[in-house]
C-alpha atoms as a PDB file:
ATOM      1  CA  MET A   1       2.838 -50.223 -60.807  1.00  0.00           C
ATOM      2  CA  ASN A   2       6.211 -51.861 -60.336  1.00  0.00           C
ATOM      3  CA  LYS A   3       6.792 -52.145 -56.574  1.00  0.00           C
ATOM      4  CA  GLN A   4      10.074 -54.053 -56.716  1.00  0.00           C
ATOM      5  CA  ILE A   5      12.844 -52.649 -54.548  1.00  0.00           C
ATOM      6  CA  ALA A   6      16.438 -53.612 -55.263  1.00  0.00           C
ATOM      7  CA  SER A   7      17.441 -55.095 -51.915  1.00  0.00           C
ATOM      8  CA  ALA A   8      16.578 -55.555 -48.265  1.00  0.00           C
ATOM      9  CA  ASP A   9      19.245 -52.992 -47.376  1.00  0.00           C
ATOM     10  CA  GLU A  10      17.514 -50.412 -49.569  1.00  0.00           C
ATOM     11  CA  ALA A  11      14.174 -51.297 -47.999  1.00  0.00           C
ATOM     12  CA  VAL A  12      15.285 -50.907 -44.381  1.00  0.00           C
ATOM     13  CA  ALA A  13      16.943 -47.579 -45.197  1.00  0.00           C
ATOM     14  CA  LEU A  14      13.354 -46.234 -45.208  1.00  0.00           C
ATOM     15  CA  ILE A  15      12.922 -47.067 -41.511  1.00  0.00           C
ATOM     16  CA  PRO A  16      13.892 -44.415 -38.942  1.00  0.00           C
ATOM     17  CA  ASP A  17      14.924 -44.949 -35.344  1.00  0.00           C
ATOM     18  CA  GLY A  18      11.883 -45.266 -33.097  1.00  0.00           C
ATOM     19  CA  ALA A  19       9.636 -46.868 -35.716  1.00  0.00           C
ATOM     20  CA  SER A  20       7.052 -49.553 -34.989  1.00  0.00           C
ATOM     21  CA  ILE A  21       7.299 -52.686 -37.154  1.00  0.00           C
ATOM     22  CA  MET A  22       5.009 -55.694 -37.468  1.00  0.00           C
ATOM     23  CA  MET A  23       6.963 -58.831 -38.323  1.00  0.00           C
ATOM     24  CA  GLY A  24       5.175 -61.901 -39.649  1.00  0.00           C
ATOM     25  CA  GLY A  25       5.916 -65.451 -38.630  1.00  0.00           C
ATOM     26  CA  PHE A  26       5.056 -68.078 -36.069  1.00  0.00           C
ATOM     27  CA  GLY A  27       8.031 -69.420 -34.196  1.00  0.00           C
ATOM     28  CA  LEU A  28      10.669 -69.421 -36.922  1.00  0.00           C
ATOM     29  CA  CYS A  29       8.175 -70.344 -39.663  1.00  0.00           C
ATOM     30  CA  GLY A  30       7.516 -67.713 -42.293  1.00  0.00           C
ATOM     31  CA  ILE A  31       9.625 -64.983 -40.713  1.00  0.00           C
ATOM     32  CA  PRO A  32      11.020 -62.120 -42.855  1.00  0.00           C
ATOM     33  CA  GLU A  33      14.579 -63.140 -42.074  1.00  0.00           C
ATOM     34  CA  THR A  34      16.213 -61.224 -44.957  1.00  0.00           C
ATOM     35  CA  LEU A  35      14.667 -57.934 -43.836  1.00  0.00           C
ATOM     36  CA  ILE A  36      15.468 -58.632 -40.177  1.00  0.00           C
ATOM     37  CA  ALA A  37      19.125 -59.311 -41.045  1.00  0.00           C
ATOM     38  CA  ALA A  38      19.295 -56.067 -43.048  1.00  0.00           C
ATOM     39  CA  LEU A  39      17.750 -54.112 -40.162  1.00  0.00           C
ATOM     40  CA  HIS A  40      20.376 -55.629 -37.869  1.00  0.00           C
ATOM     41  CA  ARG A  41      23.174 -54.529 -40.207  1.00  0.00           C
ATOM     42  CA  ARG A  42      21.797 -50.994 -40.350  1.00  0.00           C
ATOM     43  CA  ARG A  43      21.630 -50.795 -36.508  1.00  0.00           C
ATOM     44  CA  THR A  44      18.275 -48.986 -36.494  1.00  0.00           C
ATOM     45  CA  ARG A  45      17.356 -48.493 -32.829  1.00  0.00           C
ATOM     46  CA  ASP A  46      14.541 -47.845 -30.341  1.00  0.00           C
ATOM     47  CA  LEU A  47      12.191 -50.052 -32.321  1.00  0.00           C
ATOM     48  CA  THR A  48       8.784 -51.293 -31.264  1.00  0.00           C
ATOM     49  CA  VAL A  49       8.475 -54.792 -32.701  1.00  0.00           C
ATOM     50  CA  ILE A  50       5.022 -56.363 -32.998  1.00  0.00           C
ATOM     51  CA  SER A  51       5.404 -60.080 -33.548  1.00  0.00           C
ATOM     52  CA  ASN A  52       3.854 -63.297 -32.285  1.00  0.00           C
ATOM     53  CA  ASN A  53       7.159 -64.239 -30.681  1.00  0.00           C
ATOM     54  CA  ALA A  54      10.715 -62.967 -30.289  1.00  0.00           C
ATOM     55  CA  GLY A  55      12.697 -65.481 -32.308  1.00  0.00           C
ATOM     56  CA  VAL A  56      15.600 -67.329 -30.680  1.00  0.00           C
ATOM     57  CA  ASP A  57      18.846 -65.959 -29.279  1.00  0.00           C
ATOM     58  CA  ASP A  58      20.858 -66.065 -32.505  1.00  0.00           C
ATOM     59  CA  PHE A  59      18.224 -65.858 -35.210  1.00  0.00           C
ATOM     60  CA  GLY A  60      15.232 -63.812 -36.269  1.00  0.00           C
ATOM     61  CA  ILE A  61      14.168 -61.042 -33.926  1.00  0.00           C
ATOM     62  CA  GLY A  62      16.631 -62.471 -31.404  1.00  0.00           C
ATOM     63  CA  ILE A  63      19.553 -60.811 -33.206  1.00  0.00           C
ATOM     64  CA  LEU A  64      17.832 -57.426 -32.916  1.00  0.00           C
ATOM     65  CA  LEU A  65      17.299 -57.962 -29.191  1.00  0.00           C
ATOM     66  CA  LYS A  66      20.901 -59.007 -28.694  1.00  0.00           C
ATOM     67  CA  ALA A  67      22.105 -55.840 -30.459  1.00  0.00           C
ATOM     68  CA  ARG A  68      19.805 -53.754 -28.224  1.00  0.00           C
ATOM     69  CA  GLN A  69      17.884 -52.381 -31.191  1.00  0.00           C
ATOM     70  CA  VAL A  70      14.442 -53.131 -29.731  1.00  0.00           C
ATOM     71  CA  ARG A  71      12.890 -50.840 -27.127  1.00  0.00           C
ATOM     72  CA  LYS A  72       9.516 -52.598 -26.858  1.00  0.00           C
ATOM     73  CA  MET A  73       8.096 -56.005 -27.817  1.00  0.00           C
ATOM     74  CA  VAL A  74       4.383 -56.588 -28.393  1.00  0.00           C
ATOM     75  CA  SER A  75       3.967 -60.366 -28.468  1.00  0.00           C
ATOM     76  CA  THR A  76       1.996 -63.403 -27.389  1.00  0.00           C
ATOM     77  CA  TYR A  77       4.777 -65.933 -26.650  1.00  0.00           C
ATOM     78  CA  VAL A  78       8.435 -65.324 -25.911  1.00  0.00           C
ATOM     79  CA  GLY A  79       9.653 -68.500 -24.222  1.00  0.00           C
ATOM     80  CA  GLU A  80      12.478 -69.536 -26.569  1.00  0.00           C
ATOM     81  CA  ASN A  81      14.730 -66.521 -26.123  1.00  0.00           C
ATOM     82  CA  LYS A  82      17.062 -66.243 -23.123  1.00  0.00           C
ATOM     83  CA  GLU A  83      18.208 -62.743 -24.045  1.00  0.00           C
ATOM     84  CA  PHE A  84      14.594 -61.603 -24.140  1.00  0.00           C
ATOM     85  CA  GLU A  85      14.107 -63.114 -20.674  1.00  0.00           C
ATOM     86  CA  ARG A  86      17.201 -61.338 -19.334  1.00  0.00           C
ATOM     87  CA  GLN A  87      16.189 -57.944 -20.701  1.00  0.00           C
ATOM     88  CA  PHE A  88      12.621 -58.375 -19.479  1.00  0.00           C
ATOM     89  CA  LEU A  89      13.619 -59.333 -15.933  1.00  0.00           C
ATOM     90  CA  THR A  90      16.115 -56.464 -15.702  1.00  0.00           C
ATOM     91  CA  ARG A  91      13.501 -54.065 -17.112  1.00  0.00           C
ATOM     92  CA  GLU A  92      15.734 -53.100 -20.005  1.00  0.00           C
ATOM     93  CA  LEU A  93      12.969 -54.043 -22.435  1.00  0.00           C
ATOM     94  CA  GLU A  94       9.365 -52.888 -22.390  1.00  0.00           C
ATOM     95  CA  VAL A  95       6.974 -55.777 -23.040  1.00  0.00           C
ATOM     96  CA  GLU A  96       3.269 -55.988 -23.819  1.00  0.00           C
ATOM     97  CA  LEU A  97       1.989 -59.556 -23.758  1.00  0.00           C
ATOM     98  CA  ILE A  98      -1.342 -60.165 -25.494  1.00  0.00           C
ATOM     99  CA  PRO A  99      -3.437 -63.361 -25.724  1.00  0.00           C
ATOM    100  CA  GLN A 100      -2.796 -64.804 -29.177  1.00  0.00           C
ATOM    101  CA  GLY A 101      -6.370 -64.639 -30.464  1.00  0.00           C
ATOM    102  CA  THR A 102      -6.705 -61.065 -29.217  1.00  0.00           C
ATOM    103  CA  PHE A 103      -3.381 -60.214 -30.861  1.00  0.00           C
ATOM    104  CA  ALA A 104      -4.586 -61.504 -34.230  1.00  0.00           C
ATOM    105  CA  GLU A 105      -7.961 -59.764 -33.954  1.00  0.00           C
ATOM    106  CA  ARG A 106      -6.426 -56.437 -32.906  1.00  0.00           C
ATOM    107  CA  ILE A 107      -4.242 -56.513 -36.024  1.00  0.00           C
ATOM    108  CA  ARG A 108      -7.228 -57.498 -38.167  1.00  0.00           C
ATOM    109  CA  ALA A 109      -9.209 -54.596 -36.698  1.00  0.00           C
ATOM    110  CA  GLY A 110      -6.327 -52.237 -37.447  1.00  0.00           C
ATOM    111  CA  GLY A 111      -6.205 -53.365 -41.060  1.00  0.00           C
ATOM    112  CA  ALA A 112      -9.989 -53.261 -41.501  1.00  0.00           C
ATOM    113  CA  GLY A 113     -10.408 -49.801 -40.022  1.00  0.00           C
ATOM    114  CA  ILE A 114     -12.509 -51.093 -37.126  1.00  0.00           C
ATOM    115  CA  GLY A 115     -12.454 -49.007 -33.952  1.00  0.00           C
ATOM    116  CA  GLY A 116     -12.017 -51.996 -31.624  1.00  0.00           C
ATOM    117  CA  PHE A 117     -13.969 -54.972 -30.306  1.00  0.00           C
ATOM    118  CA  PHE A 118     -15.187 -56.661 -27.139  1.00  0.00           C
ATOM    119  CA  THR A 119     -13.784 -60.057 -26.137  1.00  0.00           C
ATOM    120  CA  PRO A 120     -14.288 -62.208 -23.018  1.00  0.00           C
ATOM    121  CA  THR A 121     -10.617 -63.177 -23.087  1.00  0.00           C
ATOM    122  CA  GLY A 122      -8.722 -61.626 -20.190  1.00  0.00           C
ATOM    123  CA  TYR A 123     -11.712 -60.369 -18.233  1.00  0.00           C
ATOM    124  CA  GLY A 124     -10.906 -60.263 -14.514  1.00  0.00           C
ATOM    125  CA  THR A 125      -7.140 -60.509 -15.118  1.00  0.00           C
ATOM    126  CA  VAL A 126      -4.278 -58.031 -15.509  1.00  0.00           C
ATOM    127  CA  VAL A 127      -5.050 -58.027 -19.245  1.00  0.00           C
ATOM    128  CA  ALA A 128      -8.184 -56.011 -18.497  1.00  0.00           C
ATOM    129  CA  GLU A 129      -6.554 -53.394 -16.268  1.00  0.00           C
ATOM    130  CA  GLY A 130      -7.297 -49.867 -17.465  1.00  0.00           C
ATOM    131  CA  LYS A 131      -9.630 -51.057 -20.240  1.00  0.00           C
ATOM    132  CA  GLU A 132     -13.352 -50.623 -20.693  1.00  0.00           C
ATOM    133  CA  THR A 133     -15.421 -53.646 -19.673  1.00  0.00           C
ATOM    134  CA  ARG A 134     -19.031 -54.441 -20.434  1.00  0.00           C
ATOM    135  CA  GLU A 135     -21.584 -57.125 -19.657  1.00  0.00           C
ATOM    136  CA  ILE A 136     -23.469 -58.378 -22.720  1.00  0.00           C
ATOM    137  CA  ASP A 137     -26.165 -61.050 -22.328  1.00  0.00           C
ATOM    138  CA  GLY A 138     -24.686 -62.071 -19.011  1.00  0.00           C
ATOM    139  CA  VAL A 139     -21.105 -62.392 -20.287  1.00  0.00           C
ATOM    140  CA  HIS A 140     -18.330 -60.001 -19.251  1.00  0.00           C
ATOM    141  CA  TYR A 141     -16.174 -58.550 -22.002  1.00  0.00           C
ATOM    142  CA  VAL A 142     -13.029 -56.443 -22.333  1.00  0.00           C
ATOM    143  CA  PHE A 143     -12.674 -53.768 -25.003  1.00  0.00           C
ATOM    144  CA  GLU A 144      -9.559 -54.143 -27.136  1.00  0.00           C
ATOM    145  CA  SER A 145      -8.270 -51.406 -29.440  1.00  0.00           C
ATOM    146  CA  PRO A 146      -6.920 -51.873 -32.981  1.00  0.00           C
ATOM    147  CA  LEU A 147      -3.224 -52.558 -33.475  1.00  0.00           C
ATOM    148  CA  ARG A 148      -1.359 -50.786 -36.271  1.00  0.00           C
ATOM    149  CA  ALA A 149       2.279 -50.056 -37.105  1.00  0.00           C
ATOM    150  CA  ASP A 150       4.457 -47.741 -39.165  1.00  0.00           C
ATOM    151  CA  PHE A 151       5.873 -50.678 -41.134  1.00  0.00           C
ATOM    152  CA  ALA A 152       5.154 -54.356 -41.706  1.00  0.00           C
ATOM    153  CA  PHE A 153       7.716 -56.967 -42.743  1.00  0.00           C
ATOM    154  CA  VAL A 154       6.008 -59.961 -44.357  1.00  0.00           C
ATOM    155  CA  LYS A 155       7.406 -63.120 -45.898  1.00  0.00           C
ATOM    156  CA  ALA A 156       5.726 -64.897 -48.819  1.00  0.00           C
ATOM    157  CA  HIS A 157       6.594 -67.881 -50.961  1.00  0.00           C
ATOM    158  CA  LEU A 158       5.630 -66.261 -54.266  1.00  0.00           C
ATOM    159  CA  GLY A 159       5.048 -62.682 -55.313  1.00  0.00           C
ATOM    160  CA  ASP A 160       4.895 -60.534 -58.412  1.00  0.00           C
ATOM    161  CA  THR A 161       6.273 -57.057 -58.995  1.00  0.00           C
ATOM    162  CA  HIS A 162       2.808 -55.572 -58.370  1.00  0.00           C
ATOM    163  CA  GLY A 163       2.970 -56.927 -54.806  1.00  0.00           C
ATOM    164  CA  ASN A 164       0.459 -59.777 -55.074  1.00  0.00           C
ATOM    165  CA  LEU A 165       1.496 -62.499 -52.621  1.00  0.00           C
ATOM    166  CA  VAL A 166       1.011 -66.240 -52.133  1.00  0.00           C
ATOM    167  CA  TYR A 167       2.113 -68.032 -48.947  1.00  0.00           C
ATOM    168  CA  ARG A 168       3.214 -71.619 -48.453  1.00  0.00           C
ATOM    169  CA  ARG A 169       1.206 -73.650 -45.954  1.00  0.00           C
ATOM    170  CA  THR A 170       1.821 -72.755 -42.300  1.00  0.00           C
ATOM    171  CA  ALA A 171       4.260 -70.009 -43.311  1.00  0.00           C
ATOM    172  CA  ARG A 172       1.119 -68.008 -44.045  1.00  0.00           C
ATOM    173  CA  ASN A 173       0.377 -67.462 -40.311  1.00  0.00           C
ATOM    174  CA  PHE A 174       0.354 -63.758 -39.294  1.00  0.00           C
ATOM    175  CA  ASN A 175       1.773 -62.443 -42.563  1.00  0.00           C
ATOM    176  CA  PRO A 176      -1.470 -61.668 -44.464  1.00  0.00           C
ATOM    177  CA  VAL A 177      -3.170 -59.815 -41.615  1.00  0.00           C
ATOM    178  CA  MET A 178      -0.057 -57.782 -40.793  1.00  0.00           C
ATOM    179  CA  ALA A 179       0.236 -56.733 -44.439  1.00  0.00           C
ATOM    180  CA  THR A 180      -3.051 -54.853 -44.046  1.00  0.00           C
ATOM    181  CA  ALA A 181      -2.305 -53.041 -40.789  1.00  0.00           C
ATOM    182  CA  ALA A 182       0.795 -50.944 -41.478  1.00  0.00           C
ATOM    183  CA  ARG A 183       1.374 -47.607 -43.154  1.00  0.00           C
ATOM    184  CA  VAL A 184       4.153 -49.186 -45.278  1.00  0.00           C
ATOM    185  CA  THR A 185       4.273 -52.923 -46.014  1.00  0.00           C
ATOM    186  CA  ILE A 186       7.509 -54.464 -47.278  1.00  0.00           C
ATOM    187  CA  ALA A 187       7.273 -58.028 -48.577  1.00  0.00           C
ATOM    188  CA  GLU A 188      10.158 -60.386 -49.147  1.00  0.00           C
ATOM    189  CA  VAL A 189       9.454 -63.390 -51.354  1.00  0.00           C
ATOM    190  CA  GLU A 190      11.271 -66.563 -52.271  1.00  0.00           C
ATOM    191  CA  GLN A 191      10.213 -66.314 -55.917  1.00  0.00           C
ATOM    192  CA  LEU A 192       9.517 -63.025 -57.689  1.00  0.00           C
ATOM    193  CA  VAL A 193       7.651 -63.206 -61.003  1.00  0.00           C
ATOM    194  CA  ALA A 194       6.111 -60.871 -63.555  1.00  0.00           C
ATOM    195  CA  PRO A 195       2.536 -59.582 -63.288  1.00  0.00           C
ATOM    196  CA  GLY A 196       0.105 -62.124 -64.715  1.00  0.00           C
ATOM    197  CA  ASP A 197       2.246 -65.126 -63.789  1.00  0.00           C
ATOM    198  CA  ILE A 198       0.202 -65.797 -60.628  1.00  0.00           C
ATOM    199  CA  ASP A 199      -3.322 -67.196 -60.923  1.00  0.00           C
ATOM    200  CA  PRO A 200      -5.543 -64.479 -59.378  1.00  0.00           C
ATOM    201  CA  ASP A 201      -7.591 -67.167 -57.620  1.00  0.00           C
ATOM    202  CA  VAL A 202      -4.629 -68.167 -55.441  1.00  0.00           C
ATOM    203  CA  VAL A 203      -3.530 -64.654 -54.398  1.00  0.00           C
ATOM    204  CA  VAL A 204      -3.850 -64.254 -50.615  1.00  0.00           C
ATOM    205  CA  THR A 205      -2.543 -60.701 -50.176  1.00  0.00           C
ATOM    206  CA  PRO A 206      -3.527 -58.374 -53.050  1.00  0.00           C
ATOM    207  CA  GLY A 207      -0.860 -55.940 -54.166  1.00  0.00           C
ATOM    208  CA  ILE A 208      -2.911 -52.965 -52.963  1.00  0.00           C
ATOM    209  CA  TYR A 209      -1.662 -53.741 -49.427  1.00  0.00           C
ATOM    210  CA  VAL A 210       2.026 -53.982 -50.405  1.00  0.00           C
ATOM    211  CA  THR A 211       4.238 -50.921 -50.798  1.00  0.00           C
ATOM    212  CA  HIS A 212       7.521 -52.624 -51.728  1.00  0.00           C
ATOM    213  CA  VAL A 213       8.474 -56.171 -52.719  1.00  0.00           C
ATOM    214  CA  LEU A 214      11.884 -57.797 -53.007  1.00  0.00           C
ATOM    215  CA  ARG A 215      13.357 -61.200 -53.601  1.00  0.00           C
ATOM    216  CA  GLY A 216      14.821 -62.450 -50.334  1.00  0.00           C
ATOM    217  CA  GLY A 217      17.181 -65.248 -49.447  1.00  0.00           C
ATOM    218  CA  PRO A 218      19.118 -67.354 -49.263  1.00  0.00           C
ATOM    219  CA  TYR A 219      16.943 -68.829 -46.525  1.00  0.00           C
ATOM    220  CA  GLU A 220      18.034 -70.997 -43.614  1.00  0.00           C
ATOM    221  CA  LYS A 221      14.482 -72.119 -42.740  1.00  0.00           C
ATOM    222  CA  ARG A 222      15.382 -73.135 -39.230  1.00  0.00           C
ATOM    223  CA  ILE A 223      13.066 -74.824 -36.769  1.00  0.00           C
ATOM    224  CA  GLU A 224      12.980 -74.036 -33.056  1.00  0.00           C
ATOM    225  CA  LYS A 225      13.173 -77.599 -31.764  1.00  0.00           C
ATOM    226  CA  ARG A 226      13.537 -81.068 -33.221  1.00  0.00           C
ATOM    227  CA  ILE A 227      12.345 -83.995 -31.114  1.00  0.00           C
ATOM    228  CA  THR A 228      12.721 -87.544 -32.361  1.00  0.00           C
ATOM    229  CA  ALA A 229      11.129 -90.640 -30.875  1.00  0.00           C
ATOM    230  CA  GLN A 230      13.118 -93.823 -30.455  1.00  0.00           C
ATOM    231  CA  GLY A 231      11.275 -97.067 -31.006  1.00  0.00           C
END
């Protein structure tokens, strides 16, 4: 089945106001920047964005925050975005902060169809408030529920028109697990090839998890900070 979609603008036209969207990436590495930019142009609003972090003020998810398109962020780290900080402190933005390992496992559980899991992380803290707790072999655990979304935006280095994806090094990060945990997964790739052009042994995300695929770019590939040492 050919899953290629013509453009990012056509892809984001599928997303209604109020949708929940998982967005891959870690910092600014491996983020679906073409899809994010298209969503910004379309001005889709009241979004719940599930992402490890919130980008920076003028790039990535940061442009959605600045345009007031995001109603809620579900994240693990948000320290590089002043606009996020402002909206959070003024209570204009709803925020759910999750320990990073728990965040990853909740998404994995959502994709695997698991009903939840017990973890010791967060026991005795605000993270555990309102959640079931249990003692197992003398260790206290908190029950965490699966995390799913209406849509997932993922970024891959290489993909074919059947939706099979290959990631490049650390740009892999949260992208593969998010691809499994959404009702509709949209993948943007740097290189789009024909079926059969990718060695099956190197495929990370099989096409069965991908609803639409498009060639993204051009890519800026920014980094959050550059620190140089002087000898």
